[in-house]
Amino acid sequence: MYKVAVIGDKDSIYGFASIGLEIFPTDNADDASVTLRKIADSGYGVVYITEQLAAQMQTELDRYRELPLPAIIPIPGVSGNTGLGMSNVSKFVEQAVGSDILSDA
């Protein structure tokens, strides 16, 4: 079974520990990139990362985009939803089906 990790600021991710997920608190994109590399090499199947942090480390996240594992999923933090997670979902759906079925147009 794969492990699940959560990376982000302490206030946003602390609650995930109560449901058994491993948390890696950081506010720094460079530290988060190092942590992500370690996590990816340690058998984690899913990594949740706060949208605010993910926005600062797109180049690092791009390294994992085509790999089957780990699945990296942006989540809103305590500062709110930036729309990054939904934007990624839209891109993946469009790539899979050939059109943006989530668009209002």
PDB file of N, CA and C in Angstrom:
ATOM      1  N   MET A   1       0.845  -1.172   0.000  1.00  0.00           N
ATOM      2  CA  MET A   1       0.000   0.000   0.000  1.00  0.00           C
ATOM      3  C   MET A   1       0.899   1.246   0.000  1.00  0.00           C
ATOM      4  N   TYR A   2       0.496   2.216  -0.773  1.00  0.00           N
ATOM      5  CA  TYR A   2       1.248   3.457  -0.864  1.00  0.00           C
ATOM      6  C   TYR A   2       0.924   4.374   0.309  1.00  0.00           C
ATOM      7  N   LYS A   3       1.892   5.196   0.651  1.00  0.00           N
ATOM      8  CA  LYS A   3       1.704   6.183   1.704  1.00  0.00           C
ATOM      9  C   LYS A   3       1.186   7.475   1.080  1.00  0.00           C
ATOM     10  N   VAL A   4       0.570   8.312   1.929  1.00  0.00           N
ATOM     11  CA  VAL A   4       0.030   9.596   1.502  1.00  0.00           C
ATOM     12  C   VAL A   4       0.683  10.690   2.342  1.00  0.00           C
ATOM     13  N   ALA A   5       1.138  11.755   1.671  1.00  0.00           N
ATOM     14  CA  ALA A   5       1.797  12.869   2.342  1.00  0.00           C
ATOM     15  C   ALA A   5       1.069  14.168   2.048  1.00  0.00           C
ATOM     16  N   VAL A   6       1.268  15.136   2.943  1.00  0.00           N
ATOM     17  CA  VAL A   6       0.709  16.465   2.764  1.00  0.00           C
ATOM     18  C   VAL A   6       1.818  17.476   3.046  1.00  0.00           C
ATOM     19  N   ILE A   7       2.051  18.388   2.093  1.00  0.00           N
ATOM     20  CA  ILE A   7       3.079  19.419   2.231  1.00  0.00           C
ATOM     21  C   ILE A   7       2.401  20.788   2.206  1.00  0.00           C
ATOM     22  N   GLY A   8       2.792  21.646   3.125  1.00  0.00           N
ATOM     23  CA  GLY A   8       2.257  23.003   3.139  1.00  0.00           C
ATOM     24  C   GLY A   8       2.522  23.677   4.460  1.00  0.00           C
ATOM     25  N   ASP A   9       1.944  24.862   4.616  1.00  0.00           N
ATOM     26  CA  ASP A   9       2.127  25.569   5.875  1.00  0.00           C
ATOM     27  C   ASP A   9       1.420  24.822   7.000  1.00  0.00           C
ATOM     28  N   LYS A  10       1.975  24.936   8.194  1.00  0.00           N
ATOM     29  CA  LYS A  10       1.512  24.164   9.344  1.00  0.00           C
ATOM     30  C   LYS A  10       0.019  24.334   9.605  1.00  0.00           C
ATOM     31  N   ASP A  11      -0.479  25.556   9.535  1.00  0.00           N
ATOM     32  CA  ASP A  11      -1.889  25.800   9.822  1.00  0.00           C
ATOM     33  C   ASP A  11      -2.814  25.096   8.830  1.00  0.00           C
ATOM     34  N   SER A  12      -2.376  24.971   7.590  1.00  0.00           N
ATOM     35  CA  SER A  12      -3.206  24.353   6.555  1.00  0.00           C
ATOM     36  C   SER A  12      -3.201  22.831   6.611  1.00  0.00           C
ATOM     37  N   ILE A  13      -2.115  22.230   7.053  1.00  0.00           N
ATOM     38  CA  ILE A  13      -1.993  20.772   6.929  1.00  0.00           C
ATOM     39  C   ILE A  13      -2.053  20.016   8.244  1.00  0.00           C
ATOM     40  N   TYR A  14      -2.017  20.712   9.373  1.00  0.00           N
ATOM     41  CA  TYR A  14      -1.939  20.058  10.673  1.00  0.00           C
ATOM     42  C   TYR A  14      -3.068  19.056  10.892  1.00  0.00           C
ATOM     43  N   GLY A  15      -4.272  19.382  10.460  1.00  0.00           N
ATOM     44  CA  GLY A  15      -5.424  18.501  10.655  1.00  0.00           C
ATOM     45  C   GLY A  15      -5.319  17.173   9.925  1.00  0.00           C
ATOM     46  N   PHE A  16      -4.533  17.110   8.856  1.00  0.00           N
ATOM     47  CA  PHE A  16      -4.400  15.868   8.107  1.00  0.00           C
ATOM     48  C   PHE A  16      -3.710  14.782   8.918  1.00  0.00           C
ATOM     49  N   ALA A  17      -2.909  15.171   9.892  1.00  0.00           N
ATOM     50  CA  ALA A  17      -2.234  14.183  10.738  1.00  0.00           C
ATOM     51  C   ALA A  17      -3.260  13.389  11.550  1.00  0.00           C
ATOM     52  N   SER A  18      -4.373  14.012  11.898  1.00  0.00           N
ATOM     53  CA  SER A  18      -5.389  13.338  12.710  1.00  0.00           C
ATOM     54  C   SER A  18      -6.110  12.228  11.955  1.00  0.00           C
ATOM     55  N   ILE A  19      -6.015  12.226  10.636  1.00  0.00           N
ATOM     56  CA  ILE A  19      -6.627  11.140   9.861  1.00  0.00           C
ATOM     57  C   ILE A  19      -5.574  10.172   9.325  1.00  0.00           C
ATOM     58  N   GLY A  20      -4.356  10.286   9.855  1.00  0.00           N
ATOM     59  CA  GLY A  20      -3.324   9.310   9.542  1.00  0.00           C
ATOM     60  C   GLY A  20      -2.402   9.629   8.383  1.00  0.00           C
ATOM     61  N   LEU A  21      -2.525  10.827   7.814  1.00  0.00           N
ATOM     62  CA  LEU A  21      -1.632  11.192   6.726  1.00  0.00           C
ATOM     63  C   LEU A  21      -0.348  11.776   7.306  1.00  0.00           C
ATOM     64  N   GLU A  22       0.759  11.587   6.609  1.00  0.00           N
ATOM     65  CA  GLU A  22       2.027  12.136   7.074  1.00  0.00           C
ATOM     66  C   GLU A  22       2.143  13.573   6.584  1.00  0.00           C
ATOM     67  N   ILE A  23       2.434  14.469   7.515  1.00  0.00           N
ATOM     68  CA  ILE A  23       2.512  15.877   7.163  1.00  0.00           C
ATOM     69  C   ILE A  23       3.960  16.353   7.164  1.00  0.00           C
ATOM     70  N   PHE A  24       4.232  17.289   6.253  1.00  0.00           N
ATOM     71  CA  PHE A  24       5.554  17.881   6.105  1.00  0.00           C
ATOM     72  C   PHE A  24       5.366  19.398   6.057  1.00  0.00           C
ATOM     73  N   PRO A  25       5.342  20.050   7.233  1.00  0.00           N
ATOM     74  CA  PRO A  25       5.094  21.485   7.262  1.00  0.00           C
ATOM     75  C   PRO A  25       6.272  22.315   6.769  1.00  0.00           C
ATOM     76  N   THR A  26       5.979  23.252   5.876  1.00  0.00           N
ATOM     77  CA  THR A  26       6.961  24.230   5.408  1.00  0.00           C
ATOM     78  C   THR A  26       6.242  25.366   4.705  1.00  0.00           C
ATOM     79  N   ASP A  27       6.819  26.557   4.799  1.00  0.00           N
ATOM     80  CA  ASP A  27       6.314  27.721   4.077  1.00  0.00           C
ATOM     81  C   ASP A  27       7.239  28.079   2.922  1.00  0.00           C
ATOM     82  N   ASN A  28       8.333  27.359   2.798  1.00  0.00           N
ATOM     83  CA  ASN A  28       9.396  27.707   1.867  1.00  0.00           C
ATOM     84  C   ASN A  28       9.378  26.765   0.660  1.00  0.00           C
ATOM     85  N   ALA A  29       9.316  27.316  -0.542  1.00  0.00           N
ATOM     86  CA  ALA A  29       9.247  26.507  -1.763  1.00  0.00           C
ATOM     87  C   ALA A  29      10.505  25.664  -1.968  1.00  0.00           C
ATOM     88  N   ASP A  30      11.671  26.196  -1.610  1.00  0.00           N
ATOM     89  CA  ASP A  30      12.909  25.418  -1.762  1.00  0.00           C
ATOM     90  C   ASP A  30      12.910  24.206  -0.838  1.00  0.00           C
ATOM     91  N   ASP A  31      12.496  24.408   0.414  1.00  0.00           N
ATOM     92  CA  ASP A  31      12.404  23.285   1.353  1.00  0.00           C
ATOM     93  C   ASP A  31      11.364  22.274   0.879  1.00  0.00           C
ATOM     94  N   ALA A  32      10.252  22.780   0.356  1.00  0.00           N
ATOM     95  CA  ALA A  32       9.194  21.898  -0.135  1.00  0.00           C
ATOM     96  C   ALA A  32       9.678  21.062  -1.323  1.00  0.00           C
ATOM     97  N   SER A  33      10.495  21.650  -2.186  1.00  0.00           N
ATOM     98  CA  SER A  33      11.038  20.911  -3.334  1.00  0.00           C
ATOM     99  C   SER A  33      11.934  19.770  -2.874  1.00  0.00           C
ATOM    100  N   VAL A  34      12.783  20.037  -1.881  1.00  0.00           N
ATOM    101  CA  VAL A  34      13.652  18.996  -1.334  1.00  0.00           C
ATOM    102  C   VAL A  34      12.808  17.895  -0.693  1.00  0.00           C
ATOM    103  N   THR A  35      11.794  18.301   0.063  1.00  0.00           N
ATOM    104  CA  THR A  35      10.902  17.337   0.703  1.00  0.00           C
ATOM    105  C   THR A  35      10.179  16.497  -0.339  1.00  0.00           C
ATOM    106  N   LEU A  36       9.688  17.133  -1.396  1.00  0.00           N
ATOM    107  CA  LEU A  36       8.980  16.407  -2.455  1.00  0.00           C
ATOM    108  C   LEU A  36       9.877  15.361  -3.101  1.00  0.00           C
ATOM    109  N   ARG A  37      11.120  15.706  -3.363  1.00  0.00           N
ATOM    110  CA  ARG A  37      12.051  14.731  -3.951  1.00  0.00           C
ATOM    111  C   ARG A  37      12.238  13.532  -3.038  1.00  0.00           C
ATOM    112  N   LYS A  38      12.392  13.780  -1.737  1.00  0.00           N
ATOM    113  CA  LYS A  38      12.554  12.687  -0.772  1.00  0.00           C
ATOM    114  C   LYS A  38      11.301  11.820  -0.718  1.00  0.00           C
ATOM    115  N   ILE A  39      10.149  12.468  -0.711  1.00  0.00           N
ATOM    116  CA  ILE A  39       8.877  11.755  -0.670  1.00  0.00           C
ATOM    117  C   ILE A  39       8.711  10.882  -1.917  1.00  0.00           C
ATOM    118  N   ALA A  40       9.000  11.457  -3.068  1.00  0.00           N
ATOM    119  CA  ALA A  40       8.841  10.735  -4.334  1.00  0.00           C
ATOM    120  C   ALA A  40       9.730   9.497  -4.386  1.00  0.00           C
ATOM    121  N   ASP A  41      10.886   9.571  -3.746  1.00  0.00           N
ATOM    122  CA  ASP A  41      11.822   8.436  -3.736  1.00  0.00           C
ATOM    123  C   ASP A  41      11.553   7.451  -2.610  1.00  0.00           C
ATOM    124  N   SER A  42      10.523   7.717  -1.799  1.00  0.00           N
ATOM    125  CA  SER A  42      10.273   6.888  -0.618  1.00  0.00           C
ATOM    126  C   SER A  42       8.974   6.106  -0.673  1.00  0.00           C
ATOM    127  N   GLY A  43       8.386   5.930  -1.847  1.00  0.00           N
ATOM    128  CA  GLY A  43       7.212   5.079  -1.973  1.00  0.00           C
ATOM    129  C   GLY A  43       5.879   5.724  -1.663  1.00  0.00           C
ATOM    130  N   TYR A  44       5.793   7.026  -1.744  1.00  0.00           N
ATOM    131  CA  TYR A  44       4.508   7.689  -1.539  1.00  0.00           C
ATOM    132  C   TYR A  44       3.728   7.659  -2.844  1.00  0.00           C
ATOM    133  N   GLY A  45       2.438   7.348  -2.748  1.00  0.00           N
ATOM    134  CA  GLY A  45       1.601   7.278  -3.931  1.00  0.00           C
ATOM    135  C   GLY A  45       0.863   8.562  -4.222  1.00  0.00           C
ATOM    136  N   VAL A  46       0.561   9.323  -3.158  1.00  0.00           N
ATOM    137  CA  VAL A  46      -0.188  10.564  -3.303  1.00  0.00           C
ATOM    138  C   VAL A  46       0.477  11.629  -2.436  1.00  0.00           C
ATOM    139  N   VAL A  47       0.638  12.815  -3.009  1.00  0.00           N
ATOM    140  CA  VAL A  47       1.161  13.955  -2.260  1.00  0.00           C
ATOM    141  C   VAL A  47       0.197  15.114  -2.462  1.00  0.00           C
ATOM    142  N   TYR A  48      -0.422  15.542  -1.375  1.00  0.00           N
ATOM    143  CA  TYR A  48      -1.234  16.752  -1.397  1.00  0.00           C
ATOM    144  C   TYR A  48      -0.313  17.909  -1.060  1.00  0.00           C
ATOM    145  N   ILE A  49      -0.467  19.014  -1.772  1.00  0.00           N
ATOM    146  CA  ILE A  49       0.362  20.198  -1.528  1.00  0.00           C
ATOM    147  C   ILE A  49      -0.525  21.427  -1.609  1.00  0.00           C
ATOM    148  N   THR A  50      -0.338  22.348  -0.691  1.00  0.00           N
ATOM    149  CA  THR A  50      -1.191  23.541  -0.709  1.00  0.00           C
ATOM    150  C   THR A  50      -0.990  24.317  -2.006  1.00  0.00           C
ATOM    151  N   GLU A  51      -2.064  24.887  -2.502  1.00  0.00           N
ATOM    152  CA  GLU A  51      -2.024  25.608  -3.773  1.00  0.00           C
ATOM    153  C   GLU A  51      -1.013  26.745  -3.747  1.00  0.00           C
ATOM    154  N   GLN A  52      -0.954  27.469  -2.642  1.00  0.00           N
ATOM    155  CA  GLN A  52      -0.038  28.601  -2.537  1.00  0.00           C
ATOM    156  C   GLN A  52       1.410  28.138  -2.697  1.00  0.00           C
ATOM    157  N   LEU A  53       1.769  27.031  -2.082  1.00  0.00           N
ATOM    158  CA  LEU A  53       3.123  26.500  -2.196  1.00  0.00           C
ATOM    159  C   LEU A  53       3.358  25.917  -3.590  1.00  0.00           C
ATOM    160  N   ALA A  54       2.376  25.214  -4.117  1.00  0.00           N
ATOM    161  CA  ALA A  54       2.506  24.609  -5.448  1.00  0.00           C
ATOM    162  C   ALA A  54       2.735  25.677  -6.518  1.00  0.00           C
ATOM    163  N   ALA A  55       2.096  26.817  -6.373  1.00  0.00           N
ATOM    164  CA  ALA A  55       2.259  27.898  -7.349  1.00  0.00           C
ATOM    165  C   ALA A  55       3.696  28.410  -7.391  1.00  0.00           C
ATOM    166  N   GLN A  56       4.413  28.288  -6.283  1.00  0.00           N
ATOM    167  CA  GLN A  56       5.784  28.764  -6.199  1.00  0.00           C
ATOM    168  C   GLN A  56       6.795  27.735  -6.694  1.00  0.00           C
ATOM    169  N   MET A  57       6.340  26.517  -6.974  1.00  0.00           N
ATOM    170  CA  MET A  57       7.283  25.462  -7.348  1.00  0.00           C
ATOM    171  C   MET A  57       6.821  24.668  -8.566  1.00  0.00           C
ATOM    172  N   GLN A  58       6.262  25.362  -9.554  1.00  0.00           N
ATOM    173  CA  GLN A  58       5.758  24.703 -10.762  1.00  0.00           C
ATOM    174  C   GLN A  58       6.846  23.930 -11.510  1.00  0.00           C
ATOM    175  N   THR A  59       8.053  24.460 -11.567  1.00  0.00           N
ATOM    176  CA  THR A  59       9.129  23.757 -12.267  1.00  0.00           C
ATOM    177  C   THR A  59       9.401  22.410 -11.620  1.00  0.00           C
ATOM    178  N   GLU A  60       9.433  22.381 -10.299  1.00  0.00           N
ATOM    179  CA  GLU A  60       9.655  21.115  -9.580  1.00  0.00           C
ATOM    180  C   GLU A  60       8.488  20.159  -9.810  1.00  0.00           C
ATOM    181  N   LEU A  61       7.276  20.659  -9.769  1.00  0.00           N
ATOM    182  CA  LEU A  61       6.095  19.809  -9.963  1.00  0.00           C
ATOM    183  C   LEU A  61       6.049  19.237 -11.378  1.00  0.00           C
ATOM    184  N   ASP A  62       6.537  20.011 -12.353  1.00  0.00           N
ATOM    185  CA  ASP A  62       6.550  19.537 -13.736  1.00  0.00           C
ATOM    186  C   ASP A  62       7.390  18.280 -13.906  1.00  0.00           C
ATOM    187  N   ARG A  63       8.379  18.082 -13.059  1.00  0.00           N
ATOM    188  CA  ARG A  63       9.212  16.864 -13.118  1.00  0.00           C
ATOM    189  C   ARG A  63       8.392  15.590 -12.908  1.00  0.00           C
ATOM    190  N   TYR A  64       7.312  15.714 -12.173  1.00  0.00           N
ATOM    191  CA  TYR A  64       6.510  14.552 -11.797  1.00  0.00           C
ATOM    192  C   TYR A  64       5.219  14.420 -12.597  1.00  0.00           C
ATOM    193  N   ARG A  65       4.925  15.400 -13.439  1.00  0.00           N
ATOM    194  CA  ARG A  65       3.646  15.430 -14.145  1.00  0.00           C
ATOM    195  C   ARG A  65       3.397  14.202 -15.021  1.00  0.00           C
ATOM    196  N   GLU A  66       4.414  13.704 -15.693  1.00  0.00           N
ATOM    197  CA  GLU A  66       4.252  12.565 -16.603  1.00  0.00           C
ATOM    198  C   GLU A  66       4.492  11.208 -15.927  1.00  0.00           C
ATOM    199  N   LEU A  67       4.933  11.229 -14.687  1.00  0.00           N
ATOM    200  CA  LEU A  67       5.201   9.980 -13.965  1.00  0.00           C
ATOM    201  C   LEU A  67       3.920   9.446 -13.340  1.00  0.00           C
ATOM    202  N   PRO A  68       3.790   8.127 -13.259  1.00  0.00           N
ATOM    203  CA  PRO A  68       2.583   7.572 -12.665  1.00  0.00           C
ATOM    204  C   PRO A  68       2.473   7.846 -11.160  1.00  0.00           C
ATOM    205  N   LEU A  69       3.593   7.887 -10.475  1.00  0.00           N
ATOM    206  CA  LEU A  69       3.600   8.139  -9.036  1.00  0.00           C
ATOM    207  C   LEU A  69       4.756   9.042  -8.673  1.00  0.00           C
ATOM    208  N   PRO A  70       4.607   9.856  -7.712  1.00  0.00           N
ATOM    209  CA  PRO A  70       3.391  10.089  -6.931  1.00  0.00           C
ATOM    210  C   PRO A  70       2.425  11.013  -7.668  1.00  0.00           C
ATOM    211  N   ALA A  71       1.151  10.847  -7.367  1.00  0.00           N
ATOM    212  CA  ALA A  71       0.145  11.788  -7.857  1.00  0.00           C
ATOM    213  C   ALA A  71       0.237  13.015  -6.958  1.00  0.00           C
ATOM    214  N   ILE A  72       0.436  14.176  -7.542  1.00  0.00           N
ATOM    215  CA  ILE A  72       0.570  15.407  -6.773  1.00  0.00           C
ATOM    216  C   ILE A  72      -0.691  16.234  -6.970  1.00  0.00           C
ATOM    217  N   ILE A  73      -1.377  16.496  -5.861  1.00  0.00           N
ATOM    218  CA  ILE A  73      -2.686  17.132  -5.923  1.00  0.00           C
ATOM    219  C   ILE A  73      -2.684  18.424  -5.112  1.00  0.00           C
ATOM    220  N   PRO A  74      -2.859  19.569  -5.784  1.00  0.00           N
ATOM    221  CA  PRO A  74      -2.946  20.842  -5.052  1.00  0.00           C
ATOM    222  C   PRO A  74      -4.257  20.937  -4.281  1.00  0.00           C
ATOM    223  N   ILE A  75      -4.165  21.443  -3.054  1.00  0.00           N
ATOM    224  CA  ILE A  75      -5.346  21.623  -2.207  1.00  0.00           C
ATOM    225  C   ILE A  75      -5.347  23.059  -1.666  1.00  0.00           C
ATOM    226  N   PRO A  76      -6.521  23.620  -1.381  1.00  0.00           N
ATOM    227  CA  PRO A  76      -6.568  24.962  -0.796  1.00  0.00           C
ATOM    228  C   PRO A  76      -5.933  24.957   0.593  1.00  0.00           C
ATOM    229  N   GLY A  77      -5.332  26.068   0.958  1.00  0.00           N
ATOM    230  CA  GLY A  77      -4.787  26.231   2.294  1.00  0.00           C
ATOM    231  C   GLY A  77      -5.679  27.143   3.112  1.00  0.00           C
ATOM    232  N   VAL A  78      -5.215  27.517   4.289  1.00  0.00           N
ATOM    233  CA  VAL A  78      -6.014  28.392   5.144  1.00  0.00           C
ATOM    234  C   VAL A  78      -6.194  29.783   4.534  1.00  0.00           C
ATOM    235  N   SER A  79      -5.311  30.158   3.619  1.00  0.00           N
ATOM    236  CA  SER A  79      -5.433  31.471   2.987  1.00  0.00           C
ATOM    237  C   SER A  79      -6.487  31.485   1.881  1.00  0.00           C
ATOM    238  N   GLY A  80      -7.077  30.330   1.587  1.00  0.00           N
ATOM    239  CA  GLY A  80      -8.147  30.272   0.600  1.00  0.00           C
ATOM    240  C   GLY A  80      -7.771  29.512  -0.653  1.00  0.00           C
ATOM    241  N   ASN A  81      -8.720  29.434  -1.546  1.00  0.00           N
ATOM    242  CA  ASN A  81      -8.579  28.703  -2.795  1.00  0.00           C
ATOM    243  C   ASN A  81      -8.044  29.641  -3.874  1.00  0.00           C
ATOM    244  N   THR A  82      -6.934  29.268  -4.502  1.00  0.00           N
ATOM    245  CA  THR A  82      -6.370  30.092  -5.573  1.00  0.00           C
ATOM    246  C   THR A  82      -6.874  29.668  -6.945  1.00  0.00           C
ATOM    247  N   GLY A  83      -7.545  28.528  -7.028  1.00  0.00           N
ATOM    248  CA  GLY A  83      -8.032  28.017  -8.299  1.00  0.00           C
ATOM    249  C   GLY A  83      -7.044  27.112  -9.008  1.00  0.00           C
ATOM    250  N   LEU A  84      -5.839  26.947  -8.471  1.00  0.00           N
ATOM    251  CA  LEU A  84      -4.820  26.122  -9.107  1.00  0.00           C
ATOM    252  C   LEU A  84      -5.262  24.665  -9.230  1.00  0.00           C
ATOM    253  N   GLY A  85      -5.848  24.126  -8.181  1.00  0.00           N
ATOM    254  CA  GLY A  85      -6.298  22.734  -8.212  1.00  0.00           C
ATOM    255  C   GLY A  85      -7.336  22.497  -9.295  1.00  0.00           C
ATOM    256  N   MET A  86      -8.325  23.364  -9.376  1.00  0.00           N
ATOM    257  CA  MET A  86      -9.374  23.214 -10.388  1.00  0.00           C
ATOM    258  C   MET A  86      -8.819  23.420 -11.788  1.00  0.00           C
ATOM    259  N   SER A  87      -7.885  24.331 -11.922  1.00  0.00           N
ATOM    260  CA  SER A  87      -7.242  24.564 -13.213  1.00  0.00           C
ATOM    261  C   SER A  87      -6.535  23.303 -13.697  1.00  0.00           C
ATOM    262  N   ASN A  88      -5.849  22.636 -12.780  1.00  0.00           N
ATOM    263  CA  ASN A  88      -5.165  21.391 -13.140  1.00  0.00           C
ATOM    264  C   ASN A  88      -6.147  20.308 -13.545  1.00  0.00           C
ATOM    265  N   VAL A  89      -7.256  20.212 -12.822  1.00  0.00           N
ATOM    266  CA  VAL A  89      -8.280  19.221 -13.173  1.00  0.00           C
ATOM    267  C   VAL A  89      -8.795  19.493 -14.581  1.00  0.00           C
ATOM    268  N   SER A  90      -9.058  20.765 -14.884  1.00  0.00           N
ATOM    269  CA  SER A  90      -9.551  21.127 -16.222  1.00  0.00           C
ATOM    270  C   SER A  90      -8.560  20.726 -17.307  1.00  0.00           C
ATOM    271  N   LYS A  91      -7.269  20.962 -17.064  1.00  0.00           N
ATOM    272  CA  LYS A  91      -6.242  20.595 -18.044  1.00  0.00           C
ATOM    273  C   LYS A  91      -6.209  19.093 -18.279  1.00  0.00           C
ATOM    274  N   PHE A  92      -6.292  18.323 -17.197  1.00  0.00           N
ATOM    275  CA  PHE A  92      -6.236  16.864 -17.329  1.00  0.00           C
ATOM    276  C   PHE A  92      -7.466  16.316 -18.042  1.00  0.00           C
ATOM    277  N   VAL A  93      -8.635  16.885 -17.745  1.00  0.00           N
ATOM    278  CA  VAL A  93      -9.864  16.446 -18.408  1.00  0.00           C
ATOM    279  C   VAL A  93      -9.792  16.776 -19.889  1.00  0.00           C
ATOM    280  N   GLU A  94      -9.348  17.982 -20.208  1.00  0.00           N
ATOM    281  CA  GLU A  94      -9.239  18.383 -21.611  1.00  0.00           C
ATOM    282  C   GLU A  94      -8.257  17.488 -22.355  1.00  0.00           C
ATOM    283  N   GLN A  95      -7.165  17.164 -21.722  1.00  0.00           N
ATOM    284  CA  GLN A  95      -6.170  16.277 -22.348  1.00  0.00           C
ATOM    285  C   GLN A  95      -6.753  14.880 -22.566  1.00  0.00           C
ATOM    286  N   ALA A  96      -7.530  14.400 -21.614  1.00  0.00           N
ATOM    287  CA  ALA A  96      -8.069  13.043 -21.697  1.00  0.00           C
ATOM    288  C   ALA A  96      -9.182  12.906 -22.732  1.00  0.00           C
ATOM    289  N   VAL A  97     -10.071  13.906 -22.817  1.00  0.00           N
ATOM    290  CA  VAL A  97     -11.238  13.767 -23.695  1.00  0.00           C
ATOM    291  C   VAL A  97     -11.173  14.628 -24.941  1.00  0.00           C
ATOM    292  N   GLY A  98     -10.220  15.526 -25.018  1.00  0.00           N
ATOM    293  CA  GLY A  98     -10.056  16.331 -26.215  1.00  0.00           C
ATOM    294  C   GLY A  98     -10.787  17.651 -26.220  1.00  0.00           C
ATOM    295  N   SER A  99     -11.549  17.942 -25.163  1.00  0.00           N
ATOM    296  CA  SER A  99     -12.190  19.252 -25.055  1.00  0.00           C
ATOM    297  C   SER A  99     -12.439  19.562 -23.592  1.00  0.00           C
ATOM    298  N   ASP A 100     -12.660  20.829 -23.305  1.00  0.00           N
ATOM    299  CA  ASP A 100     -12.873  21.260 -21.930  1.00  0.00           C
ATOM    300  C   ASP A 100     -14.346  21.110 -21.586  1.00  0.00           C
ATOM    301  N   ILE A 101     -14.711  19.967 -21.031  1.00  0.00           N
ATOM    302  CA  ILE A 101     -16.113  19.704 -20.695  1.00  0.00           C
ATOM    303  C   ILE A 101     -16.548  20.415 -19.418  1.00  0.00           C
ATOM    304  N   LEU A 102     -15.587  20.982 -18.669  1.00  0.00           N
ATOM    305  CA  LEU A 102     -15.926  21.679 -17.430  1.00  0.00           C
ATOM    306  C   LEU A 102     -16.192  23.158 -17.662  1.00  0.00           C
ATOM    307  N   SER A 103     -15.989  23.623 -18.878  1.00  0.00           N
ATOM    308  CA  SER A 103     -16.176  25.046 -19.195  1.00  0.00           C
ATOM    309  C   SER A 103     -17.662  25.391 -19.234  1.00  0.00           C
ATOM    310  N   ASP A 104     -17.963  26.634 -18.849  1.00  0.00           N
ATOM    311  CA  ASP A 104     -19.353  27.117 -18.913  1.00  0.00           C
ATOM    312  C   ASP A 104     -19.749  27.503 -20.328  1.00  0.00           C
ATOM    313  N   ALA A 105     -18.782  27.666 -21.205  1.00  0.00           N
ATOM    314  CA  ALA A 105     -19.088  28.112 -22.568  1.00  0.00           C
ATOM    315  C   ALA A 105     -19.659  27.022 -23.424  1.00  0.00           C
TER     316      ALA A 105
END
